Amino acid sequence: MTTEAEAEAEIIVVDSGEEYSSNYTFTDSEVTSLRSSVVDYIYENGRRYHAYHAGAYWGSNDEKSIDAMDICHFMYSLLLHGQLYLAPIGSPERVLDVGTGTGAWAMEFADLHPTAKVIGTDLSPIQPNFVPPNLTFEIDDCCDEWMYRDPFDFIHVRGLYGSVADWDKFYEQALKHLKPGGYLEQVEMNVAPTSDDGSTNGTIYDKWGPANLESGDKFGKSFRIVDESKQRMIDAGFEDVVERRYKLPIGPWAKDKHLKTLGRYFRLVCEESLEMWVMMLWTKVLGWPRDEVEVTLAEMRQAFRNPNLHAYANVTVVYGRKPEK
């Protein structure tokens, strides 16, 4: 019997069937279908950014970005086979969702746990007004000192890569604001896609990944936390720390049906998010002219639709428990 760890490490089998090429190309109606299945600003380079602690976060918060974030939430749900979290949290009373974005995870969690008080925090006020009665959203910077009076049973983090300058302080604060026995869970993705068969070697991916990592390093908020969160949580004092690793294909090139579906959504997320991910960092931090960034984005979009490039991103889900004493 194959263990979960062995399954996560398996090489993804490429689909080479007759219907592969037709499955690889999106039609306008399919894009519409994928989108419909998930249901004070600063303006630069044609994108809208948060004003609270302006410049602290690299991503834009305009409508296109919001759409991509909602699709990404649905994609993560597919990745985890419908689970919102993996930590064995039981029936929590107080829950914190750090970097809630559109609030999709927090709203779904609040619906599933109506007796829990859920708080979602973010730099951008892009969350909806009509939410479950047990959910509140707050504009806050998780890099500031946490001021919560009452501890939490569960703290959830997803996609904070490139958003935290001092991860040791972050984990220290999370541990401090958990009840004994409470859990922290973090989901992160790497920003330098790779391939099992070497098909991405010598392609635009060789420029994309290093540029992303360099921009985060120079920005002072690393994108490398996907591979560091487990050990950092252990070093902070969390117990029973568990890491799950997943491969997320870019495009429907995988033979496995589940991975093929994930690839469709992830490619859509990537295409919708490319500019939002890098425009601020590459122009203001790396100093690239906007036209060079645009050319690179165009090359990346072509790579996403090249059936001979079998790229995927690594995703980690890490959770740990605060000691009882």
C-alpha atoms as a PDB file:
ATOM      1  CA  MET A   1       0.000   0.000   0.000  1.00  0.00           C
ATOM      2  CA  THR A   2       1.321   3.462  -0.927  1.00  0.00           C
ATOM      3  CA  THR A   3       1.668   5.829   2.005  1.00  0.00           C
ATOM      4  CA  GLU A   4       0.504   9.442   1.809  1.00  0.00           C
ATOM      5  CA  ALA A   5       4.091  10.693   1.866  1.00  0.00           C
ATOM      6  CA  GLU A   6       5.057   8.370  -0.985  1.00  0.00           C
ATOM      7  CA  ALA A   7       2.023   9.451  -2.993  1.00  0.00           C
ATOM      8  CA  GLU A   8       2.935  13.099  -2.608  1.00  0.00           C
ATOM      9  CA  ALA A   9       6.456  12.414  -3.884  1.00  0.00           C
ATOM     10  CA  GLU A  10       5.373  10.438  -6.960  1.00  0.00           C
ATOM     11  CA  ILE A  11       6.271  11.761 -10.383  1.00  0.00           C
ATOM     12  CA  ILE A  12       3.219  13.127 -12.196  1.00  0.00           C
ATOM     13  CA  VAL A  13       2.387  11.034 -15.277  1.00  0.00           C
ATOM     14  CA  VAL A  14       1.899  13.156 -18.403  1.00  0.00           C
ATOM     15  CA  ASP A  15      -1.270  12.712 -20.448  1.00  0.00           C
ATOM     16  CA  SER A  16      -0.415  11.862 -24.050  1.00  0.00           C
ATOM     17  CA  GLY A  17      -3.854  10.713 -25.170  1.00  0.00           C
ATOM     18  CA  GLU A  18      -5.557  11.734 -28.412  1.00  0.00           C
ATOM     19  CA  GLU A  19      -7.814  14.235 -26.648  1.00  0.00           C
ATOM     20  CA  TYR A  20      -4.928  15.903 -24.848  1.00  0.00           C
ATOM     21  CA  SER A  21      -4.370  18.818 -27.222  1.00  0.00           C
ATOM     22  CA  SER A  22      -8.047  19.730 -27.312  1.00  0.00           C
ATOM     23  CA  ASN A  23      -8.256  19.498 -23.529  1.00  0.00           C
ATOM     24  CA  TYR A  24      -5.276  21.794 -23.178  1.00  0.00           C
ATOM     25  CA  THR A  25      -6.790  24.802 -24.932  1.00  0.00           C
ATOM     26  CA  PHE A  26      -9.359  26.940 -23.145  1.00  0.00           C
ATOM     27  CA  THR A  27     -12.401  28.193 -24.994  1.00  0.00           C
ATOM     28  CA  ASP A  28     -14.042  31.454 -23.940  1.00  0.00           C
ATOM     29  CA  SER A  29     -17.038  29.532 -22.645  1.00  0.00           C
ATOM     30  CA  GLU A  30     -14.805  27.259 -20.563  1.00  0.00           C
ATOM     31  CA  VAL A  31     -13.086  30.235 -18.954  1.00  0.00           C
ATOM     32  CA  THR A  32     -16.508  31.668 -18.142  1.00  0.00           C
ATOM     33  CA  SER A  33     -17.587  28.320 -16.722  1.00  0.00           C
ATOM     34  CA  LEU A  34     -14.492  28.030 -14.517  1.00  0.00           C
ATOM     35  CA  ARG A  35     -15.006  31.516 -13.153  1.00  0.00           C
ATOM     36  CA  SER A  36     -18.697  30.987 -12.457  1.00  0.00           C
ATOM     37  CA  SER A  37     -18.034  27.751 -10.596  1.00  0.00           C
ATOM     38  CA  VAL A  38     -16.466  29.706  -7.724  1.00  0.00           C
ATOM     39  CA  VAL A  39     -18.362  31.987  -6.741  1.00  0.00           C
ATOM     40  CA  ASP A  40      -8.553  54.633  -0.029  1.00  0.00           C
ATOM     41  CA  TYR A  41      -6.444  53.000  -2.866  1.00  0.00           C
ATOM     42  CA  ILE A  42      -3.173  53.526  -4.710  1.00  0.00           C
ATOM     43  CA  TYR A  43      -2.923  53.134  -8.486  1.00  0.00           C
ATOM     44  CA  GLU A  44       0.296  52.185 -10.255  1.00  0.00           C
ATOM     45  CA  ASN A  45       1.022  50.576 -13.626  1.00  0.00           C
ATOM     46  CA  GLY A  46      -2.686  50.224 -14.227  1.00  0.00           C
ATOM     47  CA  ARG A  47      -3.320  48.229 -11.029  1.00  0.00           C
ATOM     48  CA  ARG A  48      -4.969  49.133  -7.697  1.00  0.00           C
ATOM     49  CA  TYR A  49      -3.175  48.576  -4.370  1.00  0.00           C
ATOM     50  CA  HIS A  50      -4.050  48.850  -0.670  1.00  0.00           C
ATOM     51  CA  ALA A  51      -3.561  52.186   1.084  1.00  0.00           C
ATOM     52  CA  TYR A  52      -3.310  50.947   4.692  1.00  0.00           C
ATOM     53  CA  HIS A  53       0.434  50.409   5.305  1.00  0.00           C
ATOM     54  CA  ALA A  54       0.953  51.189   1.617  1.00  0.00           C
ATOM     55  CA  GLY A  55       3.753  49.217   0.032  1.00  0.00           C
ATOM     56  CA  ALA A  56       3.797  46.536   2.737  1.00  0.00           C
ATOM     57  CA  TYR A  57       2.295  44.004   0.327  1.00  0.00           C
ATOM     58  CA  TRP A  58       3.184  43.516  -3.336  1.00  0.00           C
ATOM     59  CA  GLY A  59      -0.165  42.299  -4.710  1.00  0.00           C
ATOM     60  CA  SER A  60      -2.893  44.457  -6.197  1.00  0.00           C
ATOM     61  CA  ASN A  61      -6.462  44.373  -4.847  1.00  0.00           C
ATOM     62  CA  ASP A  62      -8.457  45.332  -7.953  1.00  0.00           C
ATOM     63  CA  GLU A  63     -11.396  43.374  -9.340  1.00  0.00           C
ATOM     64  CA  LYS A  64      -9.223  41.154 -11.528  1.00  0.00           C
ATOM     65  CA  SER A  65      -7.134  40.205  -8.508  1.00  0.00           C
ATOM     66  CA  ILE A  66     -10.246  39.547  -6.434  1.00  0.00           C
ATOM     67  CA  ASP A  67     -11.581  37.191  -9.099  1.00  0.00           C
ATOM     68  CA  ALA A  68      -8.262  35.346  -9.185  1.00  0.00           C
ATOM     69  CA  MET A  69      -8.203  35.024  -5.377  1.00  0.00           C
ATOM     70  CA  ASP A  70     -11.682  33.512  -5.336  1.00  0.00           C
ATOM     71  CA  ILE A  71     -10.743  31.014  -8.049  1.00  0.00           C
ATOM     72  CA  CYS A  72      -7.585  30.225  -6.096  1.00  0.00           C
ATOM     73  CA  HIS A  73      -9.661  29.477  -2.979  1.00  0.00           C
ATOM     74  CA  PHE A  74     -11.752  27.025  -4.976  1.00  0.00           C
ATOM     75  CA  MET A  75      -8.554  25.477  -6.379  1.00  0.00           C
ATOM     76  CA  TYR A  76      -7.172  24.908  -2.873  1.00  0.00           C
ATOM     77  CA  SER A  77     -10.441  23.240  -1.937  1.00  0.00           C
ATOM     78  CA  LEU A  78      -9.978  20.866  -4.881  1.00  0.00           C
ATOM     79  CA  LEU A  79      -6.358  20.243  -3.915  1.00  0.00           C
ATOM     80  CA  LEU A  80      -7.394  19.162  -0.410  1.00  0.00           C
ATOM     81  CA  HIS A  81     -10.372  17.158  -1.692  1.00  0.00           C
ATOM     82  CA  GLY A  82     -12.932  19.536  -0.200  1.00  0.00           C
ATOM     83  CA  GLN A  83     -11.236  20.023   3.164  1.00  0.00           C
ATOM     84  CA  LEU A  84     -10.802  23.570   4.467  1.00  0.00           C
ATOM     85  CA  TYR A  85      -8.013  22.512   6.830  1.00  0.00           C
ATOM     86  CA  LEU A  86      -6.087  19.414   7.864  1.00  0.00           C
ATOM     87  CA  ALA A  87      -5.354  20.125  11.542  1.00  0.00           C
ATOM     88  CA  PRO A  88      -7.400  18.045  14.039  1.00  0.00           C
ATOM     89  CA  ILE A  89      -9.018  21.091  15.636  1.00  0.00           C
ATOM     90  CA  GLY A  90     -12.244  19.594  16.987  1.00  0.00           C
ATOM     91  CA  SER A  91     -14.875  22.251  17.765  1.00  0.00           C
ATOM     92  CA  PRO A  92     -13.070  25.596  18.070  1.00  0.00           C
ATOM     93  CA  GLU A  93     -14.581  28.584  19.857  1.00  0.00           C
ATOM     94  CA  ARG A  94     -12.291  31.332  18.514  1.00  0.00           C
ATOM     95  CA  VAL A  95     -10.609  31.263  15.098  1.00  0.00           C
ATOM     96  CA  LEU A  96      -8.292  33.737  13.331  1.00  0.00           C
ATOM     97  CA  ASP A  97      -7.736  33.797   9.571  1.00  0.00           C
ATOM     98  CA  VAL A  98      -4.575  35.833   8.904  1.00  0.00           C
ATOM     99  CA  GLY A  99      -4.365  37.459   5.465  1.00  0.00           C
ATOM    100  CA  THR A 100      -7.964  36.587   4.677  1.00  0.00           C
ATOM    101  CA  GLY A 101      -7.974  38.244   1.240  1.00  0.00           C
ATOM    102  CA  THR A 102     -11.514  38.118  -0.126  1.00  0.00           C
ATOM    103  CA  GLY A 103     -12.615  36.302   3.032  1.00  0.00           C
ATOM    104  CA  ALA A 104     -13.691  33.183   1.133  1.00  0.00           C
ATOM    105  CA  TRP A 105     -11.989  30.728   3.511  1.00  0.00           C
ATOM    106  CA  ALA A 106     -13.250  32.560   6.608  1.00  0.00           C
ATOM    107  CA  MET A 107     -16.829  32.670   5.338  1.00  0.00           C
ATOM    108  CA  GLU A 108     -16.860  28.993   4.494  1.00  0.00           C
ATOM    109  CA  PHE A 109     -15.321  28.107   7.847  1.00  0.00           C
ATOM    110  CA  ALA A 110     -17.827  30.271   9.728  1.00  0.00           C
ATOM    111  CA  ASP A 111     -20.703  28.540   7.937  1.00  0.00           C
ATOM    112  CA  LEU A 112     -19.324  25.112   8.856  1.00  0.00           C
ATOM    113  CA  HIS A 113     -18.699  26.117  12.487  1.00  0.00           C
ATOM    114  CA  PRO A 114     -21.649  28.374  13.457  1.00  0.00           C
ATOM    115  CA  THR A 115     -20.750  28.308  17.170  1.00  0.00           C
ATOM    116  CA  ALA A 116     -17.205  29.584  16.557  1.00  0.00           C
ATOM    117  CA  LYS A 117     -16.295  33.274  16.556  1.00  0.00           C
ATOM    118  CA  VAL A 118     -14.204  33.835  13.428  1.00  0.00           C
ATOM    119  CA  ILE A 119     -12.027  36.879  12.694  1.00  0.00           C
ATOM    120  CA  GLY A 120     -10.456  37.515   9.293  1.00  0.00           C
ATOM    121  CA  THR A 121      -7.700  40.127   8.938  1.00  0.00           C
ATOM    122  CA  ASP A 122      -6.131  41.757   5.885  1.00  0.00           C
ATOM    123  CA  LEU A 123      -4.520  44.964   4.658  1.00  0.00           C
ATOM    124  CA  SER A 124      -7.249  45.479   2.046  1.00  0.00           C
ATOM    125  CA  PRO A 125     -10.980  46.064   2.746  1.00  0.00           C
ATOM    126  CA  ILE A 126     -12.103  43.844  -0.140  1.00  0.00           C
ATOM    127  CA  GLN A 127     -14.314  41.455   1.825  1.00  0.00           C
ATOM    128  CA  PRO A 128     -18.104  41.376   1.297  1.00  0.00           C
ATOM    129  CA  ASN A 129     -20.542  43.095   3.637  1.00  0.00           C
ATOM    130  CA  PHE A 130     -22.991  40.214   3.966  1.00  0.00           C
ATOM    131  CA  VAL A 131     -21.257  37.473   5.928  1.00  0.00           C
ATOM    132  CA  PRO A 132     -22.197  34.820   8.502  1.00  0.00           C
ATOM    133  CA  PRO A 133     -23.157  36.400  11.870  1.00  0.00           C
ATOM    134  CA  ASN A 134     -20.241  34.701  13.637  1.00  0.00           C
ATOM    135  CA  LEU A 135     -17.648  36.285  11.310  1.00  0.00           C
ATOM    136  CA  THR A 136     -16.026  39.718  11.437  1.00  0.00           C
ATOM    137  CA  PHE A 137     -13.359  41.244   9.202  1.00  0.00           C
ATOM    138  CA  GLU A 138     -10.674  43.620  10.436  1.00  0.00           C
ATOM    139  CA  ILE A 139      -8.084  45.704   8.592  1.00  0.00           C
ATOM    140  CA  ASP A 140      -4.802  44.791  10.213  1.00  0.00           C
ATOM    141  CA  ASP A 141      -1.141  44.082   9.463  1.00  0.00           C
ATOM    142  CA  CYS A 142      -0.001  40.737  10.849  1.00  0.00           C
ATOM    143  CA  CYS A 143       3.549  42.107  11.029  1.00  0.00           C
ATOM    144  CA  ASP A 144       2.465  44.567  13.733  1.00  0.00           C
ATOM    145  CA  GLU A 145       2.118  43.601  17.386  1.00  0.00           C
ATOM    146  CA  TRP A 146      -0.937  41.392  17.859  1.00  0.00           C
ATOM    147  CA  MET A 147      -3.368  43.025  20.308  1.00  0.00           C
ATOM    148  CA  TYR A 148      -6.012  40.316  20.793  1.00  0.00           C
ATOM    149  CA  ARG A 149      -7.221  40.011  24.376  1.00  0.00           C
ATOM    150  CA  ASP A 150      -8.545  36.466  24.156  1.00  0.00           C
ATOM    151  CA  PRO A 151      -6.563  33.537  22.715  1.00  0.00           C
ATOM    152  CA  PHE A 152      -7.636  31.420  19.749  1.00  0.00           C
ATOM    153  CA  ASP A 153      -8.248  27.709  19.310  1.00  0.00           C
ATOM    154  CA  PHE A 154      -7.156  27.807  15.670  1.00  0.00           C
ATOM    155  CA  ILE A 155      -5.097  30.225  13.584  1.00  0.00           C
ATOM    156  CA  HIS A 156      -5.195  29.756   9.820  1.00  0.00           C
ATOM    157  CA  VAL A 157      -2.680  31.196   7.361  1.00  0.00           C
ATOM    158  CA  ARG A 158      -2.669  30.808   3.580  1.00  0.00           C
ATOM    159  CA  GLY A 159      -0.540  32.544   0.985  1.00  0.00           C
ATOM    160  CA  LEU A 160       1.502  34.841   3.221  1.00  0.00           C
ATOM    161  CA  TYR A 161       4.637  34.252   1.131  1.00  0.00           C
ATOM    162  CA  GLY A 162       6.426  37.523   0.511  1.00  0.00           C
ATOM    163  CA  SER A 163       4.343  39.256   3.199  1.00  0.00           C
ATOM    164  CA  VAL A 164       6.305  38.806   6.429  1.00  0.00           C
ATOM    165  CA  ALA A 165       9.753  40.243   7.165  1.00  0.00           C
ATOM    166  CA  ASP A 166      10.297  38.495  10.504  1.00  0.00           C
ATOM    167  CA  TRP A 167       8.853  34.990  10.451  1.00  0.00           C
ATOM    168  CA  ASP A 168      10.320  34.137  13.865  1.00  0.00           C
ATOM    169  CA  LYS A 169       8.302  36.996  15.373  1.00  0.00           C
ATOM    170  CA  PHE A 170       5.211  35.890  13.456  1.00  0.00           C
ATOM    171  CA  TYR A 171       5.338  32.341  14.836  1.00  0.00           C
ATOM    172  CA  GLU A 172       6.134  33.668  18.299  1.00  0.00           C
ATOM    173  CA  GLN A 173       3.016  35.845  18.218  1.00  0.00           C
ATOM    174  CA  ALA A 174       0.871  33.036  16.840  1.00  0.00           C
ATOM    175  CA  LEU A 175       2.021  30.730  19.620  1.00  0.00           C
ATOM    176  CA  LYS A 176       1.385  33.417  22.241  1.00  0.00           C
ATOM    177  CA  HIS A 177      -2.180  34.012  21.026  1.00  0.00           C
ATOM    178  CA  LEU A 178      -3.210  30.354  20.894  1.00  0.00           C
ATOM    179  CA  LYS A 179      -4.869  28.493  23.745  1.00  0.00           C
ATOM    180  CA  PRO A 180      -2.863  25.532  25.087  1.00  0.00           C
ATOM    181  CA  GLY A 181      -3.569  22.686  22.658  1.00  0.00           C
ATOM    182  CA  GLY A 182      -4.628  25.110  19.916  1.00  0.00           C
ATOM    183  CA  TYR A 183      -3.391  24.741  16.351  1.00  0.00           C
ATOM    184  CA  LEU A 184      -1.673  26.905  13.779  1.00  0.00           C
ATOM    185  CA  GLU A 185      -2.027  25.793  10.142  1.00  0.00           C
ATOM    186  CA  GLN A 186      -0.171  27.379   7.236  1.00  0.00           C
ATOM    187  CA  VAL A 187      -0.606  26.767   3.496  1.00  0.00           C
ATOM    188  CA  GLU A 188       2.058  28.111   1.136  1.00  0.00           C
ATOM    189  CA  MET A 189       3.088  27.755  -2.511  1.00  0.00           C
ATOM    190  CA  ASN A 190       6.504  28.084  -4.116  1.00  0.00           C
ATOM    191  CA  VAL A 191       7.078  30.772  -6.744  1.00  0.00           C
ATOM    192  CA  ALA A 192       9.647  28.908  -8.838  1.00  0.00           C
ATOM    193  CA  PRO A 193       7.782  26.157 -10.720  1.00  0.00           C
ATOM    194  CA  THR A 194       9.724  23.083 -11.800  1.00  0.00           C
ATOM    195  CA  SER A 195       9.149  19.820 -13.698  1.00  0.00           C
ATOM    196  CA  ASP A 196       9.871  16.154 -13.063  1.00  0.00           C
ATOM    197  CA  ASP A 197      11.038  15.504 -16.620  1.00  0.00           C
ATOM    198  CA  GLY A 198      13.226  18.574 -17.071  1.00  0.00           C
ATOM    199  CA  SER A 199      10.869  20.042 -19.659  1.00  0.00           C
ATOM    200  CA  THR A 200      11.052  23.492 -18.053  1.00  0.00           C
ATOM    201  CA  ASN A 201      14.858  23.623 -18.202  1.00  0.00           C
ATOM    202  CA  GLY A 202      16.179  26.274 -20.565  1.00  0.00           C
ATOM    203  CA  THR A 203      12.761  27.958 -20.850  1.00  0.00           C
ATOM    204  CA  ILE A 204      11.214  31.182 -19.550  1.00  0.00           C
ATOM    205  CA  TYR A 205      10.722  29.385 -16.231  1.00  0.00           C
ATOM    206  CA  ASP A 206      14.476  29.734 -15.669  1.00  0.00           C
ATOM    207  CA  LYS A 207      13.961  33.509 -15.657  1.00  0.00           C
ATOM    208  CA  TRP A 208      10.623  33.564 -13.853  1.00  0.00           C
ATOM    209  CA  GLY A 209      11.533  31.582 -10.734  1.00  0.00           C
ATOM    210  CA  PRO A 210      14.863  33.261  -9.886  1.00  0.00           C
ATOM    211  CA  ALA A 211      13.392  36.729 -10.508  1.00  0.00           C
ATOM    212  CA  ASN A 212      10.539  36.005  -8.106  1.00  0.00           C
ATOM    213  CA  LEU A 213      12.899  34.765  -5.393  1.00  0.00           C
ATOM    214  CA  GLU A 214      15.284  37.685  -5.889  1.00  0.00           C
ATOM    215  CA  SER A 215      12.478  40.245  -5.720  1.00  0.00           C
ATOM    216  CA  GLY A 216      11.255  38.824  -2.422  1.00  0.00           C
ATOM    217  CA  ASP A 217      14.755  38.771  -0.949  1.00  0.00           C
ATOM    218  CA  LYS A 218      15.377  42.403  -1.944  1.00  0.00           C
ATOM    219  CA  PHE A 219      11.904  43.411  -0.742  1.00  0.00           C
ATOM    220  CA  GLY A 220      12.839  42.008   2.657  1.00  0.00           C
ATOM    221  CA  LYS A 221       9.949  39.529   2.705  1.00  0.00           C
ATOM    222  CA  SER A 222      11.057  36.152   1.427  1.00  0.00           C
ATOM    223  CA  PHE A 223       9.051  33.889  -0.866  1.00  0.00           C
ATOM    224  CA  ARG A 224      10.904  30.857   0.490  1.00  0.00           C
ATOM    225  CA  ILE A 225       8.610  30.169   3.457  1.00  0.00           C
ATOM    226  CA  VAL A 226       7.006  27.223   1.610  1.00  0.00           C
ATOM    227  CA  ASP A 227      10.105  25.173   2.454  1.00  0.00           C
ATOM    228  CA  GLU A 228      10.807  26.767   5.847  1.00  0.00           C
ATOM    229  CA  SER A 229       7.493  26.829   7.708  1.00  0.00           C
ATOM    230  CA  LYS A 230       7.781  23.356   9.252  1.00  0.00           C
ATOM    231  CA  GLN A 231      11.169  23.915  10.870  1.00  0.00           C
ATOM    232  CA  ARG A 232      10.350  27.484  11.891  1.00  0.00           C
ATOM    233  CA  MET A 233       7.197  26.282  13.681  1.00  0.00           C
ATOM    234  CA  ILE A 234       9.217  23.618  15.477  1.00  0.00           C
ATOM    235  CA  ASP A 235      11.853  26.181  16.461  1.00  0.00           C
ATOM    236  CA  ALA A 236       9.110  28.487  17.770  1.00  0.00           C
ATOM    237  CA  GLY A 237       7.903  25.799  20.171  1.00  0.00           C
ATOM    238  CA  PHE A 238       5.013  24.110  18.359  1.00  0.00           C
ATOM    239  CA  GLU A 239       4.541  20.394  18.966  1.00  0.00           C
ATOM    240  CA  ASP A 240       3.378  17.527  16.748  1.00  0.00           C
ATOM    241  CA  VAL A 241       4.213  19.557  13.636  1.00  0.00           C
ATOM    242  CA  VAL A 242       3.015  17.836  10.459  1.00  0.00           C
ATOM    243  CA  GLU A 243       3.854  18.767   6.863  1.00  0.00           C
ATOM    244  CA  ARG A 244       1.961  17.637   3.757  1.00  0.00           C
ATOM    245  CA  ARG A 245       3.465  18.379   0.336  1.00  0.00           C
ATOM    246  CA  TYR A 246       1.519  18.500  -2.925  1.00  0.00           C
ATOM    247  CA  LYS A 247       2.321  19.036  -6.600  1.00  0.00           C
ATOM    248  CA  LEU A 248       0.074  21.517  -8.395  1.00  0.00           C
ATOM    249  CA  PRO A 249       0.323  21.243 -12.210  1.00  0.00           C
ATOM    250  CA  ILE A 250       0.102  24.340 -14.408  1.00  0.00           C
ATOM    251  CA  GLY A 251      -2.301  23.271 -17.136  1.00  0.00           C
ATOM    252  CA  PRO A 252      -4.166  19.992 -17.778  1.00  0.00           C
ATOM    253  CA  TRP A 253      -1.117  18.001 -18.857  1.00  0.00           C
ATOM    254  CA  ALA A 254      -1.279  15.378 -16.087  1.00  0.00           C
ATOM    255  CA  LYS A 255      -2.882  12.003 -16.838  1.00  0.00           C
ATOM    256  CA  ASP A 256      -4.495  11.726 -13.401  1.00  0.00           C
ATOM    257  CA  LYS A 257      -8.022  13.195 -13.593  1.00  0.00           C
ATOM    258  CA  HIS A 258      -7.771  14.996 -10.265  1.00  0.00           C
ATOM    259  CA  LEU A 259      -4.452  16.611 -11.191  1.00  0.00           C
ATOM    260  CA  LYS A 260      -5.772  17.449 -14.660  1.00  0.00           C
ATOM    261  CA  THR A 261      -8.698  19.366 -13.167  1.00  0.00           C
ATOM    262  CA  LEU A 262      -6.396  21.114 -10.710  1.00  0.00           C
ATOM    263  CA  GLY A 263      -4.134  22.063 -13.611  1.00  0.00           C
ATOM    264  CA  ARG A 264      -6.993  23.727 -15.462  1.00  0.00           C
ATOM    265  CA  TYR A 265      -7.846  25.922 -12.491  1.00  0.00           C
ATOM    266  CA  PHE A 266      -4.259  26.665 -11.568  1.00  0.00           C
ATOM    267  CA  ARG A 267      -3.443  27.769 -15.098  1.00  0.00           C
ATOM    268  CA  LEU A 268      -6.416  30.119 -14.992  1.00  0.00           C
ATOM    269  CA  VAL A 269      -5.230  31.468 -11.625  1.00  0.00           C
ATOM    270  CA  CYS A 270      -1.734  31.982 -13.033  1.00  0.00           C
ATOM    271  CA  GLU A 271      -2.932  33.729 -16.176  1.00  0.00           C
ATOM    272  CA  GLU A 272      -5.220  36.019 -14.207  1.00  0.00           C
ATOM    273  CA  SER A 273      -2.595  36.723 -11.523  1.00  0.00           C
ATOM    274  CA  LEU A 274       0.711  37.092 -13.379  1.00  0.00           C
ATOM    275  CA  GLU A 275       0.694  40.869 -13.498  1.00  0.00           C
ATOM    276  CA  MET A 276      -0.622  41.193  -9.952  1.00  0.00           C
ATOM    277  CA  TRP A 277       2.110  38.887  -8.651  1.00  0.00           C
ATOM    278  CA  VAL A 278       5.130  40.676 -10.110  1.00  0.00           C
ATOM    279  CA  MET A 279       4.390  44.170 -11.443  1.00  0.00           C
ATOM    280  CA  MET A 280       5.145  46.080  -8.252  1.00  0.00           C
ATOM    281  CA  LEU A 281       8.123  43.975  -7.189  1.00  0.00           C
ATOM    282  CA  TRP A 282       9.822  43.750 -10.558  1.00  0.00           C
ATOM    283  CA  THR A 283       9.449  47.453 -11.396  1.00  0.00           C
ATOM    284  CA  LYS A 284      10.006  49.067  -7.981  1.00  0.00           C
ATOM    285  CA  VAL A 285      12.276  46.498  -6.313  1.00  0.00           C
ATOM    286  CA  LEU A 286      14.217  44.931  -9.185  1.00  0.00           C
ATOM    287  CA  GLY A 287      14.101  48.100 -11.269  1.00  0.00           C
ATOM    288  CA  TRP A 288      12.881  46.463 -14.465  1.00  0.00           C
ATOM    289  CA  PRO A 289      11.189  48.735 -17.035  1.00  0.00           C
ATOM    290  CA  ARG A 290       7.500  47.972 -17.424  1.00  0.00           C
ATOM    291  CA  ASP A 291       7.879  46.888 -21.052  1.00  0.00           C
ATOM    292  CA  GLU A 292      10.390  44.188 -20.042  1.00  0.00           C
ATOM    293  CA  VAL A 293       7.958  42.932 -17.428  1.00  0.00           C
ATOM    294  CA  GLU A 294       5.168  42.836 -20.022  1.00  0.00           C
ATOM    295  CA  VAL A 295       7.329  40.850 -22.460  1.00  0.00           C
ATOM    296  CA  THR A 296       8.186  38.336 -19.736  1.00  0.00           C
ATOM    297  CA  LEU A 297       4.511  37.968 -18.814  1.00  0.00           C
ATOM    298  CA  ALA A 298       3.631  37.310 -22.454  1.00  0.00           C
ATOM    299  CA  GLU A 299       6.308  34.613 -22.623  1.00  0.00           C
ATOM    300  CA  MET A 300       4.967  33.041 -19.436  1.00  0.00           C
ATOM    301  CA  ARG A 301       1.435  32.932 -20.843  1.00  0.00           C
ATOM    302  CA  GLN A 302       2.770  31.109 -23.901  1.00  0.00           C
ATOM    303  CA  ALA A 303       4.612  28.672 -21.647  1.00  0.00           C
ATOM    304  CA  PHE A 304       1.427  27.936 -19.683  1.00  0.00           C
ATOM    305  CA  ARG A 305      -0.246  26.822 -22.914  1.00  0.00           C
ATOM    306  CA  ASN A 306       2.655  24.783 -24.227  1.00  0.00           C
ATOM    307  CA  PRO A 307       1.688  21.098 -23.762  1.00  0.00           C
ATOM    308  CA  ASN A 308       5.352  20.108 -23.871  1.00  0.00           C
ATOM    309  CA  LEU A 309       6.159  22.019 -20.665  1.00  0.00           C
ATOM    310  CA  HIS A 310       5.085  19.979 -17.648  1.00  0.00           C
ATOM    311  CA  ALA A 311       5.501  22.595 -14.941  1.00  0.00           C
ATOM    312  CA  TYR A 312       4.090  22.395 -11.455  1.00  0.00           C
ATOM    313  CA  ALA A 313       4.325  24.321  -8.196  1.00  0.00           C
ATOM    314  CA  ASN A 314       4.913  22.755  -4.797  1.00  0.00           C
ATOM    315  CA  VAL A 315       2.362  23.424  -2.067  1.00  0.00           C
ATOM    316  CA  THR A 316       2.899  22.712   1.615  1.00  0.00           C
ATOM    317  CA  VAL A 317       0.308  22.432   4.359  1.00  0.00           C
ATOM    318  CA  VAL A 318       1.944  22.578   7.779  1.00  0.00           C
ATOM    319  CA  TYR A 319       0.172  22.474  11.121  1.00  0.00           C
ATOM    320  CA  GLY A 320       1.344  22.306  14.706  1.00  0.00           C
ATOM    321  CA  ARG A 321      -0.054  22.442  18.230  1.00  0.00           C
ATOM    322  CA  LYS A 322       0.730  24.733  21.134  1.00  0.00           C
ATOM    323  CA  PRO A 323       1.926  22.660  24.113  1.00  0.00           C
ATOM    324  CA  GLU A 324      -0.634  22.062  26.837  1.00  0.00           C
ATOM    325  CA  LYS A 325       1.799  23.364  29.461  1.00  0.00           C
END
